[in-house]
């Protein structure tokens, strides 16, 4: 149910991984993978494929995913709209220009720094505790509906932020 093949610089291909249909954990970080097909691995709950050379990744059929770590790749897009069970998402250091996590209400941790993201709406992520969206092109950050004290950490430095919307209007009226 788990495969861990880390730190093997010569590893460039995981062809055949699709036959492991009972796989729940795939940890293939710090390799030289340029592609990864996990479309048949529908039982995956944890996928760690960071520090590779991936230019695309399709996780639309991996609806059981709770943790996805794909930082330090070359991704330009990532669709996590079908991954409603996601609790942790790490996409730092890619080439993403947008990231839609509006369909991930269970998300507790989001690390999306060092990309080229221009807007980020987190108003549908009521469980979010930790956020790092540093070093992007964000001009606004929507955390509406949440009080700042509900977060354990929020990092958003090195963005041209003009507006950070955090207060729930009802909370502001009551206080």
C-alpha atoms as a PDB file:
ATOM      1  CA  UNK A   1       0.000   0.000   0.000  1.00  0.00           C
ATOM      2  CA  UNK A   2       2.993   2.315   0.146  1.00  0.00           C
ATOM      3  CA  UNK A   3       5.979   2.971  -2.063  1.00  0.00           C
ATOM      4  CA  UNK A   4       8.866   5.212  -1.091  1.00  0.00           C
ATOM      5  CA  UNK A   5      11.533   5.847  -3.721  1.00  0.00           C
ATOM      6  CA  UNK A   6      13.324   9.010  -2.626  1.00  0.00           C
ATOM      7  CA  UNK A   7      16.609  10.636  -3.471  1.00  0.00           C
ATOM      8  CA  UNK A   8      17.452   8.489  -6.482  1.00  0.00           C
ATOM      9  CA  UNK A   9      18.780  11.045  -8.951  1.00  0.00           C
ATOM     10  CA  UNK A  10      18.792   8.476 -11.753  1.00  0.00           C
ATOM     11  CA  UNK A  11      15.074   7.720 -11.287  1.00  0.00           C
ATOM     12  CA  UNK A  12      13.365   9.364 -14.267  1.00  0.00           C
ATOM     13  CA  UNK A  13      10.335   7.126 -14.820  1.00  0.00           C
ATOM     14  CA  UNK A  14       7.689   5.398 -12.707  1.00  0.00           C
ATOM     15  CA  UNK A  15       5.952   3.598 -15.550  1.00  0.00           C
ATOM     16  CA  UNK A  16       4.015   0.702 -14.057  1.00  0.00           C
ATOM     17  CA  UNK A  17       2.935   2.588 -10.940  1.00  0.00           C
ATOM     18  CA  UNK A  18      -0.613   2.493 -12.342  1.00  0.00           C
ATOM     19  CA  UNK A  19      -0.773  -1.252 -11.605  1.00  0.00           C
ATOM     20  CA  UNK A  20      -0.569  -0.603  -7.854  1.00  0.00           C
ATOM     21  CA  UNK A  21      -4.286   0.085  -7.450  1.00  0.00           C
ATOM     22  CA  UNK A  22      -4.217  -0.399  -3.648  1.00  0.00           C
ATOM     23  CA  UNK A  23      -1.508   2.215  -3.209  1.00  0.00           C
ATOM     24  CA  UNK A  24      -2.348   4.758  -0.485  1.00  0.00           C
ATOM     25  CA  UNK A  25       1.072   6.418  -0.127  1.00  0.00           C
ATOM     26  CA  UNK A  26       3.457   7.323  -2.917  1.00  0.00           C
ATOM     27  CA  UNK A  27       6.590   9.164  -1.889  1.00  0.00           C
ATOM     28  CA  UNK A  28       8.851   9.774  -4.863  1.00  0.00           C
ATOM     29  CA  UNK A  29      10.496  13.047  -3.921  1.00  0.00           C
ATOM     30  CA  UNK A  30      13.917  14.296  -4.905  1.00  0.00           C
ATOM     31  CA  UNK A  31      14.296  12.389  -8.154  1.00  0.00           C
ATOM     32  CA  UNK A  32      14.421  13.378 -11.820  1.00  0.00           C
ATOM     33  CA  UNK A  33      10.826  12.586 -12.784  1.00  0.00           C
ATOM     34  CA  UNK A  34       9.478  14.579 -15.725  1.00  0.00           C
ATOM     35  CA  UNK A  35       6.065  12.882 -15.729  1.00  0.00           C
ATOM     36  CA  UNK A  36       3.924  10.943 -13.293  1.00  0.00           C
ATOM     37  CA  UNK A  37       0.662   9.151 -14.053  1.00  0.00           C
ATOM     38  CA  UNK A  38      -1.330   8.434 -10.889  1.00  0.00           C
ATOM     39  CA  UNK A  39      -4.741   8.381 -12.578  1.00  0.00           C
ATOM     40  CA  UNK A  40      -5.243   4.672 -11.775  1.00  0.00           C
ATOM     41  CA  UNK A  41      -4.114   5.039  -8.167  1.00  0.00           C
ATOM     42  CA  UNK A  42      -7.506   6.141  -6.888  1.00  0.00           C
ATOM     43  CA  UNK A  43      -6.810   5.002  -3.305  1.00  0.00           C
ATOM     44  CA  UNK A  44      -3.915   7.425  -2.849  1.00  0.00           C
ATOM     45  CA  UNK A  45      -4.256   9.492   0.301  1.00  0.00           C
ATOM     46  CA  UNK A  46      -0.704  10.862   0.357  1.00  0.00           C
ATOM     47  CA  UNK A  47       1.293  11.875  -2.692  1.00  0.00           C
ATOM     48  CA  UNK A  48       4.736  13.385  -2.230  1.00  0.00           C
ATOM     49  CA  UNK A  49       6.473  14.117  -5.512  1.00  0.00           C
ATOM     50  CA  UNK A  50       8.346  17.283  -4.663  1.00  0.00           C
ATOM     51  CA  UNK A  51      11.836  18.126  -5.910  1.00  0.00           C
ATOM     52  CA  UNK A  52      11.385  16.635  -9.358  1.00  0.00           C
ATOM     53  CA  UNK A  53      11.031  18.081 -12.855  1.00  0.00           C
ATOM     54  CA  UNK A  54       7.287  17.644 -13.337  1.00  0.00           C
ATOM     55  CA  UNK A  55       5.669  20.059 -15.783  1.00  0.00           C
ATOM     56  CA  UNK A  56       2.140  18.704 -15.274  1.00  0.00           C
ATOM     57  CA  UNK A  57       0.272  16.505 -12.826  1.00  0.00           C
ATOM     58  CA  UNK A  58      -3.288  15.221 -13.082  1.00  0.00           C
ATOM     59  CA  UNK A  59      -4.776  14.351  -9.674  1.00  0.00           C
ATOM     60  CA  UNK A  60      -8.423  14.663 -10.734  1.00  0.00           C
ATOM     61  CA  UNK A  61      -9.128  10.958 -10.130  1.00  0.00           C
ATOM     62  CA  UNK A  62      -7.341  10.922  -6.762  1.00  0.00           C
ATOM     63  CA  UNK A  63     -10.327  12.049  -4.715  1.00  0.00           C
ATOM     64  CA  UNK A  64      -9.068  10.375  -1.501  1.00  0.00           C
ATOM     65  CA  UNK A  65      -5.961  12.586  -1.335  1.00  0.00           C
ATOM     66  CA  UNK A  66      -5.481  14.261   2.027  1.00  0.00           C
ATOM     67  CA  UNK A  67      -1.890  15.383   1.467  1.00  0.00           C
ATOM     68  CA  UNK A  68      -0.299  16.578  -1.762  1.00  0.00           C
ATOM     69  CA  UNK A  69       3.284  17.862  -1.849  1.00  0.00           C
ATOM     70  CA  UNK A  70       4.501  18.940  -5.280  1.00  0.00           C
ATOM     71  CA  UNK A  71       6.789  21.819  -4.417  1.00  0.00           C
ATOM     72  CA  UNK A  72       9.954  22.530  -6.390  1.00  0.00           C
ATOM     73  CA  UNK A  73       8.771  21.254  -9.746  1.00  0.00           C
ATOM     74  CA  UNK A  74       7.949  23.132 -12.949  1.00  0.00           C
ATOM     75  CA  UNK A  75       4.153  23.068 -12.751  1.00  0.00           C
ATOM     76  CA  UNK A  76       2.330  25.879 -14.534  1.00  0.00           C
ATOM     77  CA  UNK A  77      -1.165  24.652 -13.570  1.00  0.00           C
ATOM     78  CA  UNK A  78      -2.636  22.355 -10.947  1.00  0.00           C
ATOM     79  CA  UNK A  79      -6.312  21.459 -10.637  1.00  0.00           C
ATOM     80  CA  UNK A  80      -7.278  20.263  -7.137  1.00  0.00           C
ATOM     81  CA  UNK A  81     -11.026  20.874  -7.517  1.00  0.00           C
ATOM     82  CA  UNK A  82     -11.834  17.142  -7.211  1.00  0.00           C
ATOM     83  CA  UNK A  83      -9.629  16.705  -4.144  1.00  0.00           C
ATOM     84  CA  UNK A  84     -12.161  17.799  -1.551  1.00  0.00           C
ATOM     85  CA  UNK A  85     -10.500  15.752   1.240  1.00  0.00           C
ATOM     86  CA  UNK A  86      -7.201  17.671   0.994  1.00  0.00           C
ATOM     87  CA  UNK A  87      -5.873  18.766   4.376  1.00  0.00           C
ATOM     88  CA  UNK A  88      -2.349  19.697   3.310  1.00  0.00           C
ATOM     89  CA  UNK A  89      -1.245  21.199  -0.010  1.00  0.00           C
ATOM     90  CA  UNK A  90       2.333  22.187  -0.790  1.00  0.00           C
ATOM     91  CA  UNK A  91       2.969  23.775  -4.189  1.00  0.00           C
ATOM     92  CA  UNK A  92       5.809  26.173  -3.331  1.00  0.00           C
ATOM     93  CA  UNK A  93       8.436  26.943  -5.951  1.00  0.00           C
ATOM     94  CA  UNK A  94       6.617  26.114  -9.149  1.00  0.00           C
ATOM     95  CA  UNK A  95       5.461  28.373 -11.971  1.00  0.00           C
ATOM     96  CA  UNK A  96       1.781  28.610 -11.036  1.00  0.00           C
ATOM     97  CA  UNK A  97      -0.045  31.773 -12.056  1.00  0.00           C
ATOM     98  CA  UNK A  98      -3.289  30.779 -10.333  1.00  0.00           C
ATOM     99  CA  UNK A  99      -4.473  28.374  -7.684  1.00  0.00           C
ATOM    100  CA  UNK A 100      -8.120  27.623  -6.963  1.00  0.00           C
ATOM    101  CA  UNK A 101      -8.699  25.965  -3.589  1.00  0.00           C
ATOM    102  CA  UNK A 102     -12.343  26.984  -3.298  1.00  0.00           C
ATOM    103  CA  UNK A 103     -13.426  23.344  -3.470  1.00  0.00           C
ATOM    104  CA  UNK A 104     -11.103  22.230  -0.659  1.00  0.00           C
ATOM    105  CA  UNK A 105     -12.991  23.089   2.550  1.00  0.00           C
ATOM    106  CA  UNK A 106     -10.953  20.696   4.742  1.00  0.00           C
ATOM    107  CA  UNK A 107      -7.660  22.424   3.868  1.00  0.00           C
ATOM    108  CA  UNK A 108      -5.634  23.186   7.004  1.00  0.00           C
ATOM    109  CA  UNK A 109      -2.232  23.913   5.463  1.00  0.00           C
ATOM    110  CA  UNK A 110      -1.477  25.720   2.206  1.00  0.00           C
ATOM    111  CA  UNK A 111       2.053  26.452   1.059  1.00  0.00           C
ATOM    112  CA  UNK A 112       2.034  28.214  -2.300  1.00  0.00           C
ATOM    113  CA  UNK A 113       4.916  30.658  -2.029  1.00  0.00           C
ATOM    114  CA  UNK A 114       7.470  31.347  -4.747  1.00  0.00           C
ATOM    115  CA  UNK A 115       5.076  31.131  -7.671  1.00  0.00           C
ATOM    116  CA  UNK A 116       3.483  33.768  -9.906  1.00  0.00           C
ATOM    117  CA  UNK A 117      -0.007  33.673  -8.406  1.00  0.00           C
ATOM    118  CA  UNK A 118      -1.916  36.936  -8.861  1.00  0.00           C
ATOM    119  CA  UNK A 119      -4.992  36.311  -6.686  1.00  0.00           C
ATOM    120  CA  UNK A 120      -5.905  33.935  -3.919  1.00  0.00           C
ATOM    121  CA  UNK A 121      -9.381  33.496  -2.493  1.00  0.00           C
ATOM    122  CA  UNK A 122      -9.448  31.482   0.725  1.00  0.00           C
ATOM    123  CA  UNK A 123     -12.950  32.406   1.870  1.00  0.00           C
ATOM    124  CA  UNK A 124     -14.143  28.790   1.346  1.00  0.00           C
ATOM    125  CA  UNK A 125     -11.390  27.304   3.517  1.00  0.00           C
ATOM    126  CA  UNK A 126     -12.743  27.596   7.079  1.00  0.00           C
ATOM    127  CA  UNK A 127     -10.261  25.058   8.513  1.00  0.00           C
ATOM    128  CA  UNK A 128      -7.142  26.822   7.198  1.00  0.00           C
ATOM    129  CA  UNK A 129      -4.577  27.237   9.984  1.00  0.00           C
ATOM    130  CA  UNK A 130      -1.264  27.718   8.180  1.00  0.00           C
ATOM    131  CA  UNK A 131      -0.697  29.734   5.032  1.00  0.00           C
ATOM    132  CA  UNK A 132       2.452  30.705   3.179  1.00  0.00           C
ATOM    133  CA  UNK A 133       1.796  32.652   0.007  1.00  0.00           C
ATOM    134  CA  UNK A 134       5.009  34.676   0.098  1.00  0.00           C
ATOM    135  CA  UNK A 135       6.827  35.787  -3.050  1.00  0.00           C
ATOM    136  CA  UNK A 136       4.008  35.803  -5.591  1.00  0.00           C
ATOM    137  CA  UNK A 137       2.264  38.567  -7.538  1.00  0.00           C
ATOM    138  CA  UNK A 138      -0.692  38.859  -5.153  1.00  0.00           C
ATOM    139  CA  UNK A 139      -2.380  42.252  -5.085  1.00  0.00           C
ATOM    140  CA  UNK A 140      -5.190  41.028  -2.822  1.00  0.00           C
ATOM    141  CA  UNK A 141      -5.744  38.204  -0.407  1.00  0.00           C
ATOM    142  CA  UNK A 142      -9.261  37.172   0.568  1.00  0.00           C
ATOM    143  CA  UNK A 143      -9.473  35.481   3.965  1.00  0.00           C
ATOM    144  CA  UNK A 144     -12.974  36.816   4.523  1.00  0.00           C
ATOM    145  CA  UNK A 145     -15.043  35.119   7.153  1.00  0.00           C
ATOM    146  CA  UNK A 146     -12.074  34.420   9.410  1.00  0.00           C
ATOM    147  CA  UNK A 147     -10.676  36.318  12.336  1.00  0.00           C
ATOM    148  CA  UNK A 148      -6.878  36.704  12.251  1.00  0.00           C
ATOM    149  CA  UNK A 149      -6.553  34.910  15.612  1.00  0.00           C
ATOM    150  CA  UNK A 150      -7.922  31.729  14.020  1.00  0.00           C
ATOM    151  CA  UNK A 151      -4.659  31.231  12.112  1.00  0.00           C
ATOM    152  CA  UNK A 152      -1.507  29.674  13.520  1.00  0.00           C
ATOM    153  CA  UNK A 153       0.636  31.351  10.871  1.00  0.00           C
ATOM    154  CA  UNK A 154       0.178  33.500   7.774  1.00  0.00           C
ATOM    155  CA  UNK A 155       3.101  34.524   5.592  1.00  0.00           C
ATOM    156  CA  UNK A 156       2.461  36.775   2.639  1.00  0.00           C
ATOM    157  CA  UNK A 157       5.564  38.905   2.343  1.00  0.00           C
ATOM    158  CA  UNK A 158       7.137  40.012  -0.913  1.00  0.00           C
ATOM    159  CA  UNK A 159       3.821  40.481  -2.707  1.00  0.00           C
ATOM    160  CA  UNK A 160       2.486  43.764  -4.110  1.00  0.00           C
ATOM    161  CA  UNK A 161      -0.505  43.458  -1.743  1.00  0.00           C
ATOM    162  CA  UNK A 162      -2.947  46.327  -1.854  1.00  0.00           C
ATOM    163  CA  UNK A 163      -5.716  44.679   0.172  1.00  0.00           C
ATOM    164  CA  UNK A 164      -5.962  41.880   2.725  1.00  0.00           C
ATOM    165  CA  UNK A 165      -9.568  41.109   3.557  1.00  0.00           C
ATOM    166  CA  UNK A 166      -9.738  39.159   6.831  1.00  0.00           C
ATOM    167  CA  UNK A 167     -12.588  40.318   8.995  1.00  0.00           C
ATOM    168  CA  UNK A 168     -15.989  38.732   9.068  1.00  0.00           C
ATOM    169  CA  UNK A 169     -18.458  41.652   8.885  1.00  0.00           C
ATOM    170  CA  UNK A 170     -20.573  40.120  11.677  1.00  0.00           C
ATOM    171  CA  UNK A 171     -17.532  39.824  13.950  1.00  0.00           C
ATOM    172  CA  UNK A 172     -16.626  43.454  13.269  1.00  0.00           C
ATOM    173  CA  UNK A 173     -20.160  44.592  14.190  1.00  0.00           C
ATOM    174  CA  UNK A 174     -20.168  42.602  17.425  1.00  0.00           C
ATOM    175  CA  UNK A 175     -16.784  43.914  18.610  1.00  0.00           C
END
